Amino acid sequence: MVAKDQIMENHYEYSKDFRTALPQLLAVSVKNLLLLGYGMTLGFPTILIPAVQNPVEGEVLRLHSSEVSWISSINLIVVPLGCALSGVVTAPLGRRRAMQMVNVPFFIAWLTFYFSKNTSHLYMALVLTGLAGGLLEAPVLTYVAEITQPHLRGALTATSSMCIIIGVFTQFLFGLFLYWRHVALLNIIFTVLAVIALCFVPESPHWLVSRERYNDARKSLQWLRGWTTPHRVDAELRDIEALYNKKQEAEGKVETVYERLSHYTERSFLIPFFLVSYAFFVGHFSGMTTLQTYAVSIFQMLEAPIDKYYATLILGVLQIVGSGGCVLMVHYTGKRPLTIFSTAGASVCCLLVAGYDGYIQNNNPNSWIPTTLLMLLALITHTGIRLLPWILIGEVFSAQTRSGGAGLASAVGYIFGFLTNKLYIGMVDSLSIWGTYGLYGIISLTGCFVFYFILPETEGKKLNDIEKHFAGVKRLTNTVYRSLKRNDISKLQDLKGATNPSFEADTTYI
């Protein structure tokens, strides 16, 4: 069996053993330190908001409700700007150096939080974290796709979302034991660690080939394929060179601006763009985005039977468990069942929370009921709808619109995240908890029915088949296709990431 696997390993002379996989795991883990830091910036407002709403003695900052709504959302509205600049920054700097440079605004932001004396300082720090969060998108996505072998790529790519959620969780944990300013200072350590650790992993061999640094590309491949000898990486290096030679030939046929824009008016772009945007909308307005941001305040408002900070910590653990469940199950169940289950479950949880706040609380108060329901909401949404748009975003767009479509859809997702947090306080003031969560429940229930009719099963399907489905040429079935290992996949197809859409999308960044 081992011999057979080695023969079928991607047509190269690599073995599927621990030595070959270890350097790729190490490189991706180092990259994930950056995502851990980004997750910390998303979780930090959760402990910051209650601290500045009801400050301790000696704290100079005290914020009103209108200012707090900006604290929870201003970073999200800046992320699309960073996304737009991300590819431009990556091309000249390289993947590794770009990831190192992104830590600079993170570092400045954490120092600004620590020394902040007024609201504008907090706003400036949040703008920096949002900008850095957008800038890291291109180098992070492309680096992992370019350094990993196809059979490892899917699992290693899936660790990205997990690390962001773990980063959010660390803020809940630190907030239990440390004052928020001290948490900001502690977070700098992870930023510095990321910069240092990135010095010990190689640059992407694909980027090095695009810069005609062939010797450096060979050394990079030797490191990434198990610290092996030069002749063992020659075949893969030749294919990478062929890929970029083909790209340069294709670039000789320049499309006009009108021709490029016309791709974005076609059915093959508009339908998947609506699908991903709607998935972002439901994911954010299913109640989980505001719960993550305002967790401490919500548990306090609902009089949770345990300490509000401990409740928030449990919430973070359940987010991690739910995301891990999604990563493990999606290959076997497909995306449709997980999405329908998570939206239906979110609807039930939100409607029951609304019912408790509107009726049961006034007649038979049992504070464990809404606490349990919100915990279930965190678990259920992260098994499907919270991760769905990020999974879909790299595989539903056509080859001509994949990069631009992913950027536009990501921007829409962050805008919905901004609106969710910005509107929350006003919604609670005017609709109260029962009205707010009742609306979230209706949106989730509607999403469940809409996804049942419009979401195709893309798990295990070829990218060209998915493209044909949205173009109206060929309809996808709702069965999950898990292909066997095949000997007839060309080297070029593997290098272009036939099983990894984020890799194909990267050609515009090089």
Protein backbone atom coordinates (compact mmCIF):
# COMPACT_ATOMS: atom_id res chain seq x y z
CA MET A 1 0.00 0.00 0.00
CA VAL A 2 2.82 2.43 0.86
CA ALA A 3 4.55 1.72 -2.44
CA LYS A 4 1.32 2.31 -4.33
CA ASP A 5 0.77 5.64 -2.60
CA GLN A 6 4.28 6.72 -3.40
CA ILE A 7 3.84 5.91 -7.07
CA MET A 8 0.63 7.90 -7.23
CA GLU A 9 2.02 10.91 -5.39
CA ASN A 10 1.45 13.70 -7.84
CA HIS A 11 3.86 12.29 -10.47
CA TYR A 12 6.91 13.56 -8.56
CA GLU A 13 9.59 11.64 -6.69
CA TYR A 14 8.18 12.55 -3.27
CA SER A 15 7.02 10.06 -0.69
CA LYS A 16 3.93 10.55 1.41
CA ASP A 17 5.83 10.37 4.67
CA PHE A 18 6.24 12.52 7.74
CA ARG A 19 9.57 13.97 6.63
CA THR A 20 8.03 15.36 3.43
CA ALA A 21 4.96 16.76 5.19
CA LEU A 22 6.74 18.25 8.22
CA PRO A 23 8.33 21.33 6.57
CA GLN A 24 5.02 22.20 4.91
CA LEU A 25 3.26 21.88 8.26
CA LEU A 26 5.90 24.08 9.88
CA ALA A 27 5.67 26.76 7.19
CA VAL A 28 1.86 26.86 7.37
CA SER A 29 2.00 26.98 11.18
CA VAL A 30 4.28 30.01 11.00
CA LYS A 31 1.87 31.66 8.57
CA ASN A 32 -0.94 30.88 11.01
CA LEU A 33 0.77 32.99 13.69
CA LEU A 34 -0.19 35.97 11.55
CA LEU A 35 -3.82 34.82 11.41
CA LEU A 36 -3.77 34.21 15.15
CA GLY A 37 -2.81 37.87 15.57
CA TYR A 38 -5.59 38.96 13.23
CA GLY A 39 -8.08 36.91 15.25
CA MET A 40 -6.89 38.74 18.35
CA THR A 41 -7.84 42.07 16.76
CA LEU A 42 -11.34 40.71 16.10
CA GLY A 43 -11.76 39.45 19.67
CA PHE A 44 -10.24 42.47 21.41
CA PRO A 45 -13.36 44.73 21.10
CA THR A 46 -15.30 42.11 23.07
CA ILE A 47 -13.27 42.85 26.21
CA LEU A 48 -12.69 46.51 25.35
CA ILE A 49 -16.37 47.52 25.05
CA PRO A 50 -17.54 46.64 28.60
CA ALA A 51 -14.32 48.10 30.02
CA VAL A 52 -14.91 51.54 28.46
CA GLN A 53 -18.68 51.52 29.00
CA ASN A 54 -18.27 50.98 32.74
CA PRO A 55 -14.65 51.94 33.43
CA VAL A 56 -12.84 51.14 36.65
CA GLU A 57 -11.59 53.89 38.91
CA GLY A 58 -8.66 55.69 37.35
CA GLU A 59 -9.57 54.82 33.73
CA VAL A 60 -9.58 57.99 31.57
CA LEU A 61 -11.77 56.50 28.82
CA ARG A 62 -15.55 56.40 29.13
CA LEU A 63 -17.57 55.86 25.95
CA HIS A 64 -21.24 56.41 25.13
CA SER A 65 -23.41 53.97 23.18
CA SER A 66 -22.93 55.74 19.84
CA GLU A 67 -19.14 55.60 20.27
CA VAL A 68 -19.24 51.95 21.33
CA SER A 69 -21.05 50.98 18.11
CA TRP A 70 -18.10 52.40 16.16
CA ILE A 71 -15.63 50.51 18.35
CA SER A 72 -17.32 47.25 17.36
CA SER A 73 -17.47 47.95 13.64
CA ILE A 74 -14.94 50.49 12.40
CA ASN A 75 -12.23 47.88 11.84
CA LEU A 76 -14.52 45.80 9.62
CA ILE A 77 -15.35 48.67 7.26
CA VAL A 78 -11.62 49.33 6.66
CA VAL A 79 -10.79 45.70 5.77
CA PRO A 80 -12.05 45.99 2.13
CA LEU A 81 -9.55 48.82 1.54
CA GLY A 82 -6.77 46.56 2.77
CA CYS A 83 -8.05 43.75 0.53
CA ALA A 84 -7.88 46.05 -2.49
CA LEU A 85 -4.25 46.91 -1.73
CA SER A 86 -3.26 43.40 -0.71
CA GLY A 87 -2.35 42.03 -4.13
CA VAL A 88 -0.45 45.19 -5.06
CA VAL A 89 1.70 44.86 -1.93
CA THR A 90 2.34 41.15 -2.39
CA ALA A 91 3.68 41.27 -5.96
CA PRO A 92 6.82 43.36 -5.41
CA LEU A 93 7.61 42.24 -1.85
CA GLY A 94 7.00 38.51 -2.09
CA ARG A 95 4.73 36.39 0.08
CA ARG A 96 6.99 36.06 3.12
CA ARG A 97 8.14 39.67 3.29
CA ALA A 98 4.58 40.94 2.75
CA MET A 99 3.40 38.82 5.71
CA GLN A 100 6.19 40.28 7.82
CA MET A 101 5.36 43.86 6.82
CA VAL A 102 1.68 43.40 7.70
CA ASN A 103 2.74 43.00 11.33
CA VAL A 104 3.92 46.63 11.45
CA PRO A 105 0.40 48.15 11.60
CA PHE A 106 -0.59 45.43 14.09
CA PHE A 107 2.35 46.41 16.31
CA ILE A 108 1.49 50.13 16.12
CA ALA A 109 -2.18 49.39 16.81
CA TRP A 110 -1.50 47.42 20.00
CA LEU A 111 0.77 50.19 21.32
CA THR A 112 -1.90 52.76 20.46
CA PHE A 113 -4.50 50.77 22.40
CA TYR A 114 -2.21 50.59 25.43
CA PHE A 115 -1.41 54.32 25.51
CA SER A 116 -4.83 55.59 24.33
CA LYS A 117 -6.14 58.66 26.13
CA ASN A 118 -9.24 59.47 24.09
CA THR A 119 -11.70 57.96 21.65
CA SER A 120 -9.77 59.03 18.56
CA HIS A 121 -6.82 56.91 19.68
CA LEU A 122 -9.06 53.84 19.85
CA TYR A 123 -10.50 54.61 16.42
CA MET A 124 -7.02 55.00 14.92
CA ALA A 125 -5.89 51.66 16.38
CA LEU A 126 -9.00 49.91 15.03
CA VAL A 127 -8.47 51.40 11.58
CA LEU A 128 -4.91 50.05 11.59
CA THR A 129 -6.07 46.55 12.58
CA GLY A 130 -8.71 46.56 9.84
CA LEU A 131 -6.22 47.75 7.23
CA ALA A 132 -3.69 45.09 8.26
CA GLY A 133 -6.42 42.43 8.25
CA GLY A 134 -7.16 43.23 4.62
CA LEU A 135 -3.51 43.46 3.59
CA LEU A 136 -2.73 39.97 4.85
CA GLU A 137 -5.38 38.31 2.67
CA ALA A 138 -3.41 37.90 -0.58
CA PRO A 139 -0.04 36.79 0.86
CA VAL A 140 -1.66 34.36 3.31
CA LEU A 141 -3.98 32.72 0.78
CA THR A 142 -1.36 32.43 -1.92
CA TYR A 143 1.52 31.32 0.29
CA VAL A 144 -0.19 28.22 1.63
CA ALA A 145 -1.47 27.30 -1.83
CA GLU A 146 1.95 27.66 -3.44
CA ILE A 147 4.07 25.77 -0.91
CA THR A 148 1.91 22.70 -0.21
CA GLN A 149 1.41 19.45 -2.09
CA PRO A 150 -2.10 18.77 -3.41
CA HIS A 151 -2.93 15.99 -0.95
CA LEU A 152 -2.00 18.25 2.01
CA ARG A 153 -3.30 21.52 0.64
CA GLY A 154 -6.95 21.20 1.63
CA ALA A 155 -6.34 20.27 5.26
CA LEU A 156 -3.61 22.87 5.74
CA THR A 157 -5.71 25.60 4.10
CA ALA A 158 -8.59 24.79 6.47
CA THR A 159 -6.41 25.64 9.47
CA SER A 160 -6.62 29.35 8.57
CA SER A 161 -10.17 29.90 9.85
CA MET A 162 -9.43 27.79 12.91
CA CYS A 163 -6.48 30.01 13.86
CA ILE A 164 -8.52 33.19 13.50
CA ILE A 165 -11.16 31.75 15.84
CA ILE A 166 -8.46 30.64 18.29
CA GLY A 167 -7.11 34.20 18.17
CA VAL A 168 -10.55 35.52 19.11
CA PHE A 169 -10.70 32.96 21.93
CA THR A 170 -7.35 34.09 23.38
CA GLN A 171 -8.82 37.54 23.98
CA PHE A 172 -11.73 36.05 25.92
CA LEU A 173 -9.20 34.09 27.96
CA PHE A 174 -6.79 36.99 28.56
CA GLY A 175 -9.73 39.22 29.49
CA LEU A 176 -10.51 36.94 32.43
CA PHE A 177 -7.18 37.61 34.11
CA LEU A 178 -5.84 40.91 32.72
CA TYR A 179 -6.98 44.50 32.28
CA TRP A 180 -7.67 45.39 28.65
CA ARG A 181 -4.62 47.67 28.33
CA HIS A 182 -2.39 44.88 29.58
CA VAL A 183 -4.02 42.48 27.09
CA ALA A 184 -3.08 44.90 24.27
CA LEU A 185 0.51 44.93 25.50
CA LEU A 186 0.60 41.13 25.75
CA ASN A 187 -0.69 40.78 22.18
CA ILE A 188 2.45 42.51 20.89
CA ILE A 189 4.42 39.38 21.80
CA PHE A 190 2.53 37.33 19.19
CA THR A 191 3.11 40.01 16.56
CA VAL A 192 6.87 39.97 17.21
CA LEU A 193 6.91 36.15 17.24
CA ALA A 194 5.24 36.06 13.81
CA VAL A 195 7.87 38.38 12.32
CA ILE A 196 10.74 36.36 13.80
CA ALA A 197 9.28 32.96 12.86
CA LEU A 198 8.75 34.05 9.24
CA CYS A 199 12.52 34.56 8.96
CA PHE A 200 13.00 30.79 9.25
CA VAL A 201 10.66 29.62 6.48
CA PRO A 202 11.37 29.92 2.74
CA GLU A 203 9.78 32.25 0.22
CA SER A 204 7.21 30.78 -2.15
CA PRO A 205 9.01 28.96 -5.00
CA HIS A 206 6.32 30.20 -7.40
CA TRP A 207 7.01 33.84 -6.56
CA LEU A 208 10.75 33.25 -6.89
CA VAL A 209 10.26 31.71 -10.36
CA SER A 210 8.08 34.68 -11.36
CA ARG A 211 11.10 36.87 -10.51
CA GLU A 212 13.45 34.54 -12.41
CA ARG A 213 15.31 33.59 -9.21
CA TYR A 214 15.55 29.93 -10.18
CA ASN A 215 18.34 28.89 -7.79
CA ASP A 216 16.46 30.36 -4.84
CA ALA A 217 13.29 28.62 -6.03
CA ARG A 218 15.14 25.29 -6.11
CA LYS A 219 16.42 25.80 -2.55
CA SER A 220 12.93 26.73 -1.40
CA LEU A 221 11.48 23.53 -2.89
CA GLN A 222 14.26 21.45 -1.34
CA TRP A 223 13.32 22.83 2.08
CA LEU A 224 9.57 22.43 1.58
CA ARG A 225 9.77 18.86 0.26
CA GLY A 226 11.59 17.44 3.25
CA TRP A 227 15.04 19.07 3.05
CA THR A 228 15.75 16.91 0.02
CA THR A 229 18.38 16.93 -2.74
CA PRO A 230 18.27 19.25 -5.80
CA HIS A 231 17.56 16.55 -8.39
CA ARG A 232 14.41 15.41 -6.53
CA VAL A 233 12.75 18.81 -7.01
CA ASP A 234 13.82 19.33 -10.64
CA ALA A 235 10.59 17.94 -12.11
CA GLU A 236 8.34 20.18 -10.00
CA LEU A 237 10.57 23.20 -10.63
CA ARG A 238 10.35 22.63 -14.40
CA ASP A 239 6.55 22.53 -14.19
CA ILE A 240 6.46 25.76 -12.20
CA GLU A 241 8.66 27.39 -14.84
CA ALA A 242 6.36 26.06 -17.57
CA LEU A 243 3.35 27.48 -15.77
CA TYR A 244 4.83 30.97 -15.70
CA ASN A 245 6.08 30.73 -19.29
CA LYS A 246 2.53 29.86 -20.32
CA LYS A 247 1.19 32.77 -18.30
CA GLN A 248 3.62 35.20 -19.94
CA GLU A 249 2.52 33.97 -23.38
CA ALA A 250 -1.12 34.45 -22.44
CA GLU A 251 -0.41 37.97 -21.22
CA GLY A 252 0.68 38.82 -24.74
CA LYS A 253 -3.01 38.69 -25.72
CA VAL A 254 -4.21 41.77 -23.86
CA GLU A 255 -7.94 42.18 -23.28
CA THR A 256 -9.44 45.64 -23.45
CA VAL A 257 -10.91 47.19 -20.32
CA TYR A 258 -14.40 46.70 -21.74
CA GLU A 259 -13.74 43.01 -22.39
CA ARG A 260 -12.46 42.49 -18.86
CA LEU A 261 -15.43 44.29 -17.34
CA SER A 262 -17.90 42.39 -19.51
CA HIS A 263 -17.06 39.18 -17.63
CA TYR A 264 -18.61 40.77 -14.53
CA THR A 265 -21.97 41.24 -16.25
CA GLU A 266 -22.34 37.59 -17.21
CA ARG A 267 -24.49 35.01 -15.48
CA SER A 268 -21.37 33.03 -14.48
CA PHE A 269 -20.36 35.95 -12.23
CA LEU A 270 -23.65 37.46 -11.09
CA ILE A 271 -25.25 34.29 -9.70
CA PRO A 272 -22.26 33.12 -7.62
CA PHE A 273 -21.67 36.71 -6.46
CA PHE A 274 -25.24 36.86 -5.19
CA LEU A 275 -24.87 33.43 -3.58
CA VAL A 276 -21.68 34.31 -1.69
CA SER A 277 -22.97 37.77 -0.72
CA TYR A 278 -26.22 36.28 0.56
CA ALA A 279 -24.24 33.68 2.53
CA PHE A 280 -22.27 36.52 4.15
CA PHE A 281 -25.52 38.36 4.90
CA VAL A 282 -27.13 35.35 6.60
CA GLY A 283 -23.89 34.46 8.38
CA HIS A 284 -23.57 37.93 9.92
CA PHE A 285 -27.28 38.48 10.63
CA SER A 286 -27.78 35.05 12.19
CA GLY A 287 -26.91 36.59 15.55
CA MET A 288 -23.37 35.27 15.90
CA THR A 289 -21.43 38.35 14.78
CA THR A 290 -23.00 40.60 17.39
CA LEU A 291 -22.84 37.83 19.99
CA GLN A 292 -19.10 37.50 19.45
CA THR A 293 -18.56 41.27 19.66
CA TYR A 294 -21.00 42.13 22.47
CA ALA A 295 -20.83 38.78 24.32
CA VAL A 296 -20.00 40.23 27.74
CA SER A 297 -22.77 42.85 27.52
CA ILE A 298 -25.35 40.35 26.22
CA PHE A 299 -24.68 37.81 28.96
CA GLN A 300 -24.91 40.59 31.52
CA MET A 301 -28.18 41.84 30.04
CA LEU A 302 -29.70 38.34 30.10
CA GLU A 303 -28.41 37.77 33.66
CA ALA A 304 -26.39 34.67 32.82
CA PRO A 305 -26.16 32.22 35.75
CA ILE A 306 -22.35 32.17 35.47
CA ASP A 307 -19.82 34.98 35.36
CA LYS A 308 -20.20 36.92 32.11
CA TYR A 309 -16.48 36.54 31.32
CA TYR A 310 -16.54 32.78 31.92
CA ALA A 311 -19.63 32.57 29.70
CA THR A 312 -17.73 34.43 26.98
CA LEU A 313 -14.80 32.02 27.35
CA ILE A 314 -17.11 29.01 26.92
CA LEU A 315 -18.56 30.73 23.87
CA GLY A 316 -15.08 30.89 22.35
CA VAL A 317 -14.45 27.20 23.03
CA LEU A 318 -17.72 26.26 21.30
CA GLN A 319 -16.79 28.37 18.26
CA ILE A 320 -13.55 26.41 17.94
CA VAL A 321 -15.36 23.08 18.39
CA GLY A 322 -17.97 24.02 15.77
CA SER A 323 -15.34 25.12 13.25
CA GLY A 324 -13.35 21.94 13.85
CA GLY A 325 -16.49 19.92 13.28
CA CYS A 326 -17.09 21.71 9.98
CA VAL A 327 -13.52 21.05 8.80
CA LEU A 328 -13.84 17.36 9.67
CA MET A 329 -17.36 16.80 8.34
CA VAL A 330 -17.58 18.86 5.16
CA HIS A 331 -15.61 16.31 3.11
CA TYR A 332 -18.11 13.59 4.02
CA THR A 333 -21.43 15.44 4.33
CA GLY A 334 -20.91 18.20 1.77
CA LYS A 335 -21.70 21.88 2.22
CA ARG A 336 -25.47 21.77 1.65
CA PRO A 337 -26.43 19.61 4.68
CA LEU A 338 -24.15 21.60 7.00
CA THR A 339 -25.53 24.90 5.73
CA ILE A 340 -29.18 23.88 5.99
CA PHE A 341 -28.61 22.38 9.44
CA SER A 342 -26.75 25.43 10.76
CA THR A 343 -29.23 28.01 9.45
CA ALA A 344 -32.20 26.01 10.75
CA GLY A 345 -30.49 25.55 14.13
CA ALA A 346 -29.57 29.24 14.31
CA SER A 347 -33.18 30.16 13.57
CA VAL A 348 -34.49 27.96 16.38
CA CYS A 349 -31.94 29.33 18.87
CA CYS A 350 -32.60 32.98 18.01
CA LEU A 351 -36.40 32.62 18.07
CA LEU A 352 -36.27 30.84 21.43
CA VAL A 353 -34.03 33.59 22.86
CA ALA A 354 -36.55 36.14 21.58
CA GLY A 355 -39.40 34.16 23.15
CA TYR A 356 -37.59 33.96 26.48
CA ASP A 357 -36.90 37.69 26.60
CA GLY A 358 -40.39 38.63 25.48
CA TYR A 359 -42.47 36.26 27.61
CA ILE A 360 -40.79 33.65 29.80
CA GLN A 361 -38.44 36.08 31.57
CA ASN A 362 -41.40 38.09 32.82
CA ASN A 363 -43.33 35.04 33.99
CA ASN A 364 -40.83 32.32 34.98
CA PRO A 365 -37.25 33.60 34.88
CA ASN A 366 -34.67 30.87 34.26
CA SER A 367 -31.48 32.60 33.17
CA TRP A 368 -29.82 29.36 32.12
CA ILE A 369 -32.23 29.08 29.17
CA PRO A 370 -30.96 32.01 27.03
CA THR A 371 -27.37 31.31 28.07
CA THR A 372 -27.63 27.73 26.84
CA LEU A 373 -29.37 28.83 23.63
CA LEU A 374 -26.62 31.36 22.84
CA MET A 375 -23.97 28.71 23.47
CA LEU A 376 -25.77 26.40 21.04
CA LEU A 377 -25.98 29.27 18.54
CA ALA A 378 -22.18 29.63 18.62
CA LEU A 379 -21.66 25.90 18.11
CA ILE A 380 -24.26 25.43 15.37
CA THR A 381 -23.44 28.49 13.25
CA HIS A 382 -19.75 27.57 13.15
CA THR A 383 -20.52 24.13 11.77
CA GLY A 384 -21.85 25.71 8.59
CA ILE A 385 -23.07 29.21 7.76
CA ARG A 386 -20.23 31.11 9.44
CA LEU A 387 -17.59 29.27 7.39
CA LEU A 388 -19.63 28.65 4.22
CA PRO A 389 -18.95 31.93 2.35
CA TRP A 390 -15.21 31.64 2.94
CA ILE A 391 -15.25 28.11 1.56
CA LEU A 392 -17.37 29.06 -1.45
CA ILE A 393 -15.51 32.24 -2.32
CA GLY A 394 -12.60 30.48 -3.98
CA GLU A 395 -14.53 27.95 -6.04
CA VAL A 396 -17.76 29.44 -7.42
CA PHE A 397 -16.36 32.19 -9.66
CA SER A 398 -15.19 31.63 -13.21
CA ALA A 399 -11.49 31.71 -14.08
CA GLN A 400 -11.84 35.21 -15.58
CA THR A 401 -13.53 36.67 -12.48
CA ARG A 402 -12.16 34.52 -9.67
CA SER A 403 -9.71 37.02 -8.26
CA GLY A 404 -11.91 40.09 -8.72
CA GLY A 405 -15.03 38.24 -7.62
CA ALA A 406 -13.37 36.98 -4.47
CA GLY A 407 -12.22 40.50 -3.62
CA LEU A 408 -15.63 42.04 -4.23
CA ALA A 409 -17.45 39.33 -2.30
CA SER A 410 -15.00 39.64 0.61
CA ALA A 411 -15.63 43.39 0.68
CA VAL A 412 -19.39 42.80 0.77
CA GLY A 413 -18.90 40.34 3.63
CA TYR A 414 -16.95 42.85 5.70
CA ILE A 415 -19.54 45.55 4.96
CA PHE A 416 -22.28 43.26 6.28
CA GLY A 417 -20.14 42.60 9.36
CA PHE A 418 -19.76 46.35 9.86
CA LEU A 419 -23.51 46.95 9.49
CA THR A 420 -24.39 44.12 11.88
CA ASN A 421 -22.27 45.51 14.71
CA LYS A 422 -23.04 49.17 13.96
CA LEU A 423 -26.81 48.64 13.97
CA TYR A 424 -26.96 46.31 16.98
CA ILE A 425 -27.10 48.86 19.80
CA GLY A 426 -29.75 50.90 17.99
CA MET A 427 -31.77 47.74 17.33
CA VAL A 428 -31.66 46.70 20.98
CA ASP A 429 -32.68 50.22 22.07
CA SER A 430 -35.68 50.27 19.72
CA LEU A 431 -36.62 46.58 19.43
CA SER A 432 -35.13 45.19 22.69
CA ILE A 433 -33.52 41.73 22.82
CA TRP A 434 -36.68 39.88 21.79
CA GLY A 435 -37.18 42.00 18.67
CA THR A 436 -33.51 41.89 17.68
CA TYR A 437 -33.14 38.13 18.04
CA GLY A 438 -36.57 37.58 16.53
CA LEU A 439 -35.32 39.37 13.40
CA TYR A 440 -32.12 37.28 13.42
CA GLY A 441 -34.25 34.14 13.68
CA ILE A 442 -36.44 35.12 10.72
CA ILE A 443 -33.37 35.91 8.59
CA SER A 444 -31.81 32.53 9.46
CA LEU A 445 -35.04 30.65 8.74
CA THR A 446 -35.42 32.43 5.39
CA GLY A 447 -31.79 31.58 4.62
CA CYS A 448 -32.44 27.91 5.33
CA PHE A 449 -35.18 27.77 2.68
CA VAL A 450 -33.30 29.93 0.16
CA PHE A 451 -30.12 27.84 0.43
CA TYR A 452 -32.15 24.66 -0.01
CA PHE A 453 -33.17 25.87 -3.48
CA ILE A 454 -30.14 27.85 -4.69
CA LEU A 455 -27.03 26.28 -3.09
CA PRO A 456 -25.47 23.57 -5.27
CA GLU A 457 -23.24 20.90 -3.74
CA THR A 458 -19.70 21.89 -4.75
CA GLU A 459 -17.79 19.56 -2.44
CA GLY A 460 -15.43 17.36 -4.48
CA LYS A 461 -16.57 18.88 -7.80
CA LYS A 462 -14.17 20.12 -10.49
CA LEU A 463 -13.82 23.88 -10.87
CA ASN A 464 -14.82 23.76 -14.53
CA ASP A 465 -18.00 21.83 -13.65
CA ILE A 466 -18.89 24.43 -11.01
CA GLU A 467 -18.27 27.18 -13.54
CA LYS A 468 -20.53 25.45 -16.09
CA HIS A 469 -23.27 25.11 -13.47
CA PHE A 470 -23.39 28.86 -12.78
CA ALA A 471 -23.11 29.60 -16.50
CA GLY A 472 -26.23 27.48 -17.04
CA VAL A 473 -24.43 24.94 -19.24
CA LYS A 474 -24.37 21.91 -16.93
CA ARG A 475 -26.26 21.37 -13.69
CA LEU A 476 -24.42 20.00 -10.66
CA THR A 477 -25.91 17.15 -8.68
CA ASN A 478 -26.28 17.43 -4.91
CA THR A 479 -24.19 14.35 -4.21
CA VAL A 480 -20.74 14.67 -2.68
CA TYR A 481 -18.01 13.47 -5.05
CA ARG A 482 -14.86 12.11 -3.45
CA SER A 483 -12.45 11.19 -6.18
CA LEU A 484 -9.97 8.35 -5.98
CA LYS A 485 -6.28 8.93 -6.62
CA ARG A 486 -5.65 9.01 -10.33
CA ASN A 487 -2.55 8.62 -12.43
CA ASP A 488 -3.87 10.64 -15.35
CA ILE A 489 -3.82 14.11 -13.78
CA SER A 490 -1.18 16.18 -15.51
CA LYS A 491 1.56 17.92 -13.61
CA LEU A 492 0.36 21.25 -14.86
CA GLN A 493 -3.16 20.71 -13.52
CA ASP A 494 -1.81 19.89 -10.08
CA LEU A 495 0.46 22.91 -10.11
CA LYS A 496 -2.43 25.14 -11.06
CA GLY A 497 -4.30 23.96 -8.00
CA ALA A 498 -7.06 21.92 -9.60
CA THR A 499 -8.15 20.87 -6.13
CA ASN A 500 -7.42 24.27 -4.58
CA PRO A 501 -9.30 27.26 -5.98
CA SER A 502 -7.40 29.82 -3.95
CA PHE A 503 -4.23 28.88 -5.80
CA GLU A 504 -5.74 29.38 -9.25
CA ALA A 505 -7.09 32.74 -8.24
CA ASP A 506 -3.64 34.03 -7.39
CA THR A 507 -2.40 34.49 -10.95
CA THR A 508 -3.43 38.14 -10.91
CA TYR A 509 -1.17 38.90 -7.98
CA ILE A 510 2.04 37.73 -9.64
